PDB file of N, CA and C in Angstrom:
ATOM      1  N   UNK A   1     189.708 102.324 132.776  1.00  0.00           N
ATOM      2  CA  UNK A   1     188.589 101.976 132.366  1.00  0.00           C
ATOM      3  C   UNK A   1     187.985 102.901 131.245  1.00  0.00           C
ATOM      4  N   UNK A   2     187.486 102.800 130.049  1.00  0.00           N
ATOM      5  CA  UNK A   2     187.126 104.146 129.066  1.00  0.00           C
ATOM      6  C   UNK A   2     185.362 104.045 129.661  1.00  0.00           C
ATOM      7  N   UNK A   3     185.023 105.481 130.022  1.00  0.00           N
ATOM      8  CA  UNK A   3     183.807 106.031 129.982  1.00  0.00           C
ATOM      9  C   UNK A   3     182.400 105.713 129.000  1.00  0.00           C
ATOM     10  N   UNK A   4     181.629 104.948 129.086  1.00  0.00           N
ATOM     11  CA  UNK A   4     180.633 105.048 128.239  1.00  0.00           C
ATOM     12  C   UNK A   4     179.948 106.136 127.626  1.00  0.00           C
ATOM     13  N   UNK A   5     179.949 106.219 126.242  1.00  0.00           N
ATOM     14  CA  UNK A   5     179.248 107.412 125.554  1.00  0.00           C
ATOM     15  C   UNK A   5     178.289 107.966 126.113  1.00  0.00           C
ATOM     16  N   UNK A   6     177.287 109.081 126.358  1.00  0.00           N
ATOM     17  CA  UNK A   6     176.376 109.624 126.676  1.00  0.00           C
ATOM     18  C   UNK A   6     175.210 109.359 125.588  1.00  0.00           C
ATOM     19  N   UNK A   7     173.900 109.129 126.041  1.00  0.00           N
ATOM     20  CA  UNK A   7     172.817 108.165 125.287  1.00  0.00           C
ATOM     21  C   UNK A   7     172.004 109.504 124.880  1.00  0.00           C
ATOM     22  N   UNK A   8     172.062 110.691 125.880  1.00  0.00           N
ATOM     23  CA  UNK A   8     171.256 111.995 125.904  1.00  0.00           C
ATOM     24  C   UNK A   8     171.777 113.114 125.802  1.00  0.00           C
ATOM     25  N   UNK A   9     171.252 114.470 125.458  1.00  0.00           N
ATOM     26  CA  UNK A   9     171.655 115.665 125.366  1.00  0.00           C
ATOM     27  C   UNK A   9     171.859 116.184 126.664  1.00  0.00           C
ATOM     28  N   UNK A  10     171.093 115.573 127.569  1.00  0.00           N
ATOM     29  CA  UNK A  10     171.909 115.838 129.285  1.00  0.00           C
ATOM     30  C   UNK A  10     173.010 115.375 129.548  1.00  0.00           C
ATOM     31  N   UNK A  11     173.732 114.354 129.072  1.00  0.00           N
ATOM     32  CA  UNK A  11     175.121 113.973 129.153  1.00  0.00           C
ATOM     33  C   UNK A  11     175.395 113.815 130.916  1.00  0.00           C
ATOM     34  N   UNK A  12     176.552 114.462 131.174  1.00  0.00           N
ATOM     35  CA  UNK A  12     176.960 113.632 132.115  1.00  0.00           C
ATOM     36  C   UNK A  12     176.171 114.906 133.177  1.00  0.00           C
ATOM     37  N   UNK A  13     175.621 115.694 132.995  1.00  0.00           N
ATOM     38  CA  UNK A  13     175.663 116.779 134.106  1.00  0.00           C
ATOM     39  C   UNK A  13     174.277 116.258 134.911  1.00  0.00           C
ATOM     40  N   UNK A  14     174.732 115.777 136.155  1.00  0.00           N
ATOM     41  CA  UNK A  14     173.984 115.473 137.075  1.00  0.00           C
ATOM     42  C   UNK A  14     172.798 115.950 137.633  1.00  0.00           C
ATOM     43  N   UNK A  15     173.414 117.363 138.217  1.00  0.00           N
ATOM     44  CA  UNK A  15     172.393 118.226 138.458  1.00  0.00           C
ATOM     45  C   UNK A  15     171.276 118.449 137.480  1.00  0.00           C
ATOM     46  N   UNK A  16     171.257 118.549 136.327  1.00  0.00           N
ATOM     47  CA  UNK A  16     170.148 118.391 135.140  1.00  0.00           C
ATOM     48  C   UNK A  16     169.344 117.163 135.137  1.00  0.00           C
ATOM     49  N   UNK A  17     170.250 115.955 135.106  1.00  0.00           N
ATOM     50  CA  UNK A  17     169.256 114.544 135.323  1.00  0.00           C
ATOM     51  C   UNK A  17     168.463 114.513 136.388  1.00  0.00           C
ATOM     52  N   UNK A  18     168.811 115.214 137.433  1.00  0.00           N
ATOM     53  CA  UNK A  18     167.840 115.205 138.779  1.00  0.00           C
ATOM     54  C   UNK A  18     167.150 116.013 138.371  1.00  0.00           C
ATOM     55  N   UNK A  19     167.335 117.561 138.216  1.00  0.00           N
ATOM     56  CA  UNK A  19     166.208 118.047 138.038  1.00  0.00           C
ATOM     57  C   UNK A  19     164.903 117.620 137.472  1.00  0.00           C
ATOM     58  N   UNK A  20     165.439 117.199 136.156  1.00  0.00           N
ATOM     59  CA  UNK A  20     164.648 116.338 135.043  1.00  0.00           C
ATOM     60  C   UNK A  20     163.298 115.467 135.654  1.00  0.00           C
ATOM     61  N   UNK A  21     164.280 114.360 136.397  1.00  0.00           N
ATOM     62  CA  UNK A  21     163.405 113.683 137.152  1.00  0.00           C
ATOM     63  C   UNK A  21     162.876 113.797 138.088  1.00  0.00           C
ATOM     64  N   UNK A  22     163.378 114.920 138.832  1.00  0.00           N
ATOM     65  CA  UNK A  22     162.544 115.541 140.017  1.00  0.00           C
ATOM     66  C   UNK A  22     161.205 116.273 139.351  1.00  0.00           C
ATOM     67  N   UNK A  23     161.212 117.101 138.483  1.00  0.00           N
ATOM     68  CA  UNK A  23     160.007 117.914 137.948  1.00  0.00           C
ATOM     69  C   UNK A  23     159.066 116.853 137.173  1.00  0.00           C
ATOM     70  N   UNK A  24     159.807 115.422 136.673  1.00  0.00           N
ATOM     71  CA  UNK A  24     158.888 114.413 135.536  1.00  0.00           C
ATOM     72  C   UNK A  24     157.638 113.538 137.045  1.00  0.00           C
ATOM     73  N   UNK A  25     158.682 113.769 138.261  1.00  0.00           N
ATOM     74  CA  UNK A  25     157.756 112.557 139.133  1.00  0.00           C
ATOM     75  C   UNK A  25     158.540 111.228 139.252  1.00  0.00           C
ATOM     76  N   UNK A  26     160.028 111.615 138.249  1.00  0.00           N
ATOM     77  CA  UNK A  26     160.384 109.947 137.952  1.00  0.00           C
ATOM     78  C   UNK A  26     161.613 110.052 139.330  1.00  0.00           C
ATOM     79  N   UNK A  27     161.702 110.876 140.250  1.00  0.00           N
ATOM     80  CA  UNK A  27     162.213 110.617 141.255  1.00  0.00           C
ATOM     81  C   UNK A  27     162.574 111.210 142.691  1.00  0.00           C
ATOM     82  N   UNK A  28     162.966 111.317 143.971  1.00  0.00           N
ATOM     83  CA  UNK A  28     162.391 112.190 144.565  1.00  0.00           C
ATOM     84  C   UNK A  28     163.839 113.141 144.950  1.00  0.00           C
ATOM     85  N   UNK A  29     164.060 113.822 145.950  1.00  0.00           N
ATOM     86  CA  UNK A  29     165.432 114.993 146.312  1.00  0.00           C
ATOM     87  C   UNK A  29     165.962 114.141 146.700  1.00  0.00           C
ATOM     88  N   UNK A  30     167.371 114.155 146.700  1.00  0.00           N
ATOM     89  CA  UNK A  30     168.500 113.684 147.367  1.00  0.00           C
ATOM     90  C   UNK A  30     168.488 113.778 148.318  1.00  0.00           C
ATOM     91  N   UNK A  31     168.443 113.031 149.304  1.00  0.00           N
ATOM     92  CA  UNK A  31     168.480 113.041 150.610  1.00  0.00           C
ATOM     93  C   UNK A  31     169.931 112.244 151.199  1.00  0.00           C
ATOM     94  N   UNK A  32     170.040 112.680 152.647  1.00  0.00           N
ATOM     95  CA  UNK A  32     171.291 111.881 153.047  1.00  0.00           C
ATOM     96  C   UNK A  32     170.482 110.770 153.925  1.00  0.00           C
ATOM     97  N   UNK A  33     170.972 109.286 153.318  1.00  0.00           N
ATOM     98  CA  UNK A  33     170.196 108.253 153.940  1.00  0.00           C
ATOM     99  C   UNK A  33     170.613 107.291 155.318  1.00  0.00           C
ATOM    100  N   UNK A  34     171.629 108.601 155.989  1.00  0.00           N
ATOM    101  CA  UNK A  34     171.580 108.083 157.665  1.00  0.00           C
ATOM    102  C   UNK A  34     170.613 108.867 158.183  1.00  0.00           C
ATOM    103  N   UNK A  35     170.435 109.930 157.714  1.00  0.00           N
ATOM    104  CA  UNK A  35     170.156 110.909 158.931  1.00  0.00           C
ATOM    105  C   UNK A  35     168.516 111.262 158.591  1.00  0.00           C
ATOM    106  N   UNK A  36     167.839 110.811 157.182  1.00  0.00           N
ATOM    107  CA  UNK A  36     166.631 111.165 156.779  1.00  0.00           C
ATOM    108  C   UNK A  36     165.783 109.577 156.578  1.00  0.00           C
ATOM    109  N   UNK A  37     166.360 108.559 156.811  1.00  0.00           N
ATOM    110  CA  UNK A  37     165.594 107.072 157.025  1.00  0.00           C
ATOM    111  C   UNK A  37     165.656 106.425 156.409  1.00  0.00           C
ATOM    112  N   UNK A  38     166.201 106.048 154.911  1.00  0.00           N
ATOM    113  CA  UNK A  38     165.863 104.663 154.089  1.00  0.00           C
ATOM    114  C   UNK A  38     166.720 103.565 154.785  1.00  0.00           C
ATOM    115  N   UNK A  39     166.982 102.582 154.352  1.00  0.00           N
ATOM    116  CA  UNK A  39     167.309 101.280 154.891  1.00  0.00           C
ATOM    117  C   UNK A  39     169.126 101.516 154.970  1.00  0.00           C
ATOM    118  N   UNK A  40     169.565 100.611 155.754  1.00  0.00           N
ATOM    119  CA  UNK A  40     171.014 100.470 155.900  1.00  0.00           C
ATOM    120  C   UNK A  40     171.545  99.553 155.957  1.00  0.00           C
ATOM    121  N   UNK A  41     172.763  99.257 155.735  1.00  0.00           N
ATOM    122  CA  UNK A  41     173.073  98.238 155.784  1.00  0.00           C
ATOM    123  C   UNK A  41     173.689  97.424 157.053  1.00  0.00           C
ATOM    124  N   UNK A  42     173.975  96.369 157.606  1.00  0.00           N
ATOM    125  CA  UNK A  42     174.270  96.011 158.618  1.00  0.00           C
ATOM    126  C   UNK A  42     175.345  96.502 159.451  1.00  0.00           C
ATOM    127  N   UNK A  43     176.697  96.649 158.064  1.00  0.00           N
ATOM    128  CA  UNK A  43     177.781  97.400 158.771  1.00  0.00           C
ATOM    129  C   UNK A  43     177.557  98.809 159.201  1.00  0.00           C
ATOM    130  N   UNK A  44     176.923  99.453 158.194  1.00  0.00           N
ATOM    131  CA  UNK A  44     176.578 101.031 158.525  1.00  0.00           C
ATOM    132  C   UNK A  44     175.585 101.198 159.866  1.00  0.00           C
ATOM    133  N   UNK A  45     174.785 100.172 159.905  1.00  0.00           N
ATOM    134  CA  UNK A  45     174.031 100.111 161.655  1.00  0.00           C
ATOM    135  C   UNK A  45     175.199 100.080 162.542  1.00  0.00           C
ATOM    136  N   UNK A  46     176.066  99.167 162.745  1.00  0.00           N
ATOM    137  CA  UNK A  46     177.099  98.899 163.136  1.00  0.00           C
ATOM    138  C   UNK A  46     178.176  99.866 163.753  1.00  0.00           C
ATOM    139  N   UNK A  47     178.569 100.714 162.236  1.00  0.00           N
ATOM    140  CA  UNK A  47     179.213 101.670 162.409  1.00  0.00           C
ATOM    141  C   UNK A  47     178.287 102.993 163.489  1.00  0.00           C
ATOM    142  N   UNK A  48     176.918 103.180 163.069  1.00  0.00           N
ATOM    143  CA  UNK A  48     176.271 104.213 164.011  1.00  0.00           C
ATOM    144  C   UNK A  48     176.151 103.557 165.236  1.00  0.00           C
ATOM    145  N   UNK A  49     176.110 102.444 165.455  1.00  0.00           N
ATOM    146  CA  UNK A  49     176.020 102.016 167.130  1.00  0.00           C
ATOM    147  C   UNK A  49     177.221 102.471 168.146  1.00  0.00           C
ATOM    148  N   UNK A  50     178.620 102.423 166.666  1.00  0.00           N
ATOM    149  CA  UNK A  50     179.855 102.559 167.394  1.00  0.00           C
ATOM    150  C   UNK A  50     180.160 104.107 167.676  1.00  0.00           C
ATOM    151  N   UNK A  51     178.960 105.242 167.064  1.00  0.00           N
ATOM    152  CA  UNK A  51     179.168 106.631 166.960  1.00  0.00           C
ATOM    153  C   UNK A  51     179.416 107.384 165.995  1.00  0.00           C
ATOM    154  N   UNK A  52     180.018 106.301 164.956  1.00  0.00           N
ATOM    155  CA  UNK A  52     180.292 106.924 163.618  1.00  0.00           C
ATOM    156  C   UNK A  52     179.124 107.438 163.265  1.00  0.00           C
ATOM    157  N   UNK A  53     179.429 108.531 162.139  1.00  0.00           N
ATOM    158  CA  UNK A  53     178.120 108.792 161.444  1.00  0.00           C
ATOM    159  C   UNK A  53     178.356 109.449 159.911  1.00  0.00           C
ATOM    160  N   UNK A  54     178.113 108.137 159.566  1.00  0.00           N
ATOM    161  CA  UNK A  54     178.600 107.969 157.883  1.00  0.00           C
ATOM    162  C   UNK A  54     177.006 108.510 157.374  1.00  0.00           C
ATOM    163  N   UNK A  55     178.064 109.629 156.220  1.00  0.00           N
ATOM    164  CA  UNK A  55     176.568 110.291 155.694  1.00  0.00           C
ATOM    165  C   UNK A  55     176.305 109.504 154.145  1.00  0.00           C
ATOM    166  N   UNK A  56     174.832 108.886 153.741  1.00  0.00           N
ATOM    167  CA  UNK A  56     175.181 108.457 153.032  1.00  0.00           C
ATOM    168  C   UNK A  56     174.328 108.601 151.733  1.00  0.00           C
ATOM    169  N   UNK A  57     174.506 109.296 150.848  1.00  0.00           N
ATOM    170  CA  UNK A  57     173.581 110.302 149.803  1.00  0.00           C
ATOM    171  C   UNK A  57     172.846 109.609 149.134  1.00  0.00           C
ATOM    172  N   UNK A  58     171.682 109.917 148.890  1.00  0.00           N
ATOM    173  CA  UNK A  58     170.765 108.384 148.096  1.00  0.00           C
ATOM    174  C   UNK A  58     169.945 109.481 147.273  1.00  0.00           C
ATOM    175  N   UNK A  59     169.011 108.623 146.601  1.00  0.00           N
ATOM    176  CA  UNK A  59     168.074 109.529 145.126  1.00  0.00           C
ATOM    177  C   UNK A  59     166.909 108.514 145.425  1.00  0.00           C
ATOM    178  N   UNK A  60     165.773 108.507 145.385  1.00  0.00           N
ATOM    179  CA  UNK A  60     164.673 107.216 145.087  1.00  0.00           C
ATOM    180  C   UNK A  60     164.366 107.656 143.529  1.00  0.00           C
ATOM    181  N   UNK A  61     164.224 106.761 142.967  1.00  0.00           N
ATOM    182  CA  UNK A  61     163.744 106.571 141.802  1.00  0.00           C
ATOM    183  C   UNK A  61     162.390 105.998 141.966  1.00  0.00           C
ATOM    184  N   UNK A  62     161.750 106.553 141.404  1.00  0.00           N
ATOM    185  CA  UNK A  62     159.693 106.304 141.427  1.00  0.00           C
ATOM    186  C   UNK A  62     159.762 105.460 140.090  1.00  0.00           C
ATOM    187  N   UNK A  63     159.031 104.268 139.989  1.00  0.00           N
ATOM    188  CA  UNK A  63     158.621 103.663 139.017  1.00  0.00           C
ATOM    189  C   UNK A  63     157.229 103.573 138.933  1.00  0.00           C
ATOM    190  N   UNK A  64     156.560 104.101 137.627  1.00  0.00           N
ATOM    191  CA  UNK A  64     155.398 104.800 137.306  1.00  0.00           C
ATOM    192  C   UNK A  64     154.260 103.380 137.270  1.00  0.00           C
ATOM    193  N   UNK A  65     152.856 103.536 137.609  1.00  0.00           N
ATOM    194  CA  UNK A  65     152.765 102.216 137.935  1.00  0.00           C
ATOM    195  C   UNK A  65     152.320 101.401 137.348  1.00  0.00           C
ATOM    196  N   UNK A  66     152.312 102.333 135.929  1.00  0.00           N
ATOM    197  CA  UNK A  66     151.979 100.992 135.073  1.00  0.00           C
ATOM    198  C   UNK A  66     153.240 100.044 134.588  1.00  0.00           C
ATOM    199  N   UNK A  67     154.061 100.544 134.995  1.00  0.00           N
ATOM    200  CA  UNK A  67     155.514  99.597 134.914  1.00  0.00           C
ATOM    201  C   UNK A  67     155.748  98.459 135.628  1.00  0.00           C
ATOM    202  N   UNK A  68     154.885  98.551 137.121  1.00  0.00           N
ATOM    203  CA  UNK A  68     155.273  98.047 138.100  1.00  0.00           C
ATOM    204  C   UNK A  68     155.197  96.664 138.338  1.00  0.00           C
TER     205      UNK A  68
END
């Protein structure tokens, strides 16, 4: 599968994308979804109930009030 062309000067630099987003208030810090509390799927819950400890990296995207 061919990778789509970047539409920004930031390109494929995810760390830079995140830094810009965080500094602009568009997203939160990257956290562990398992250990820091966001929603998890039923199968992930079941895995944790079986003492498995899946780490689920996440980033929250903030929507400006005028776009809600």
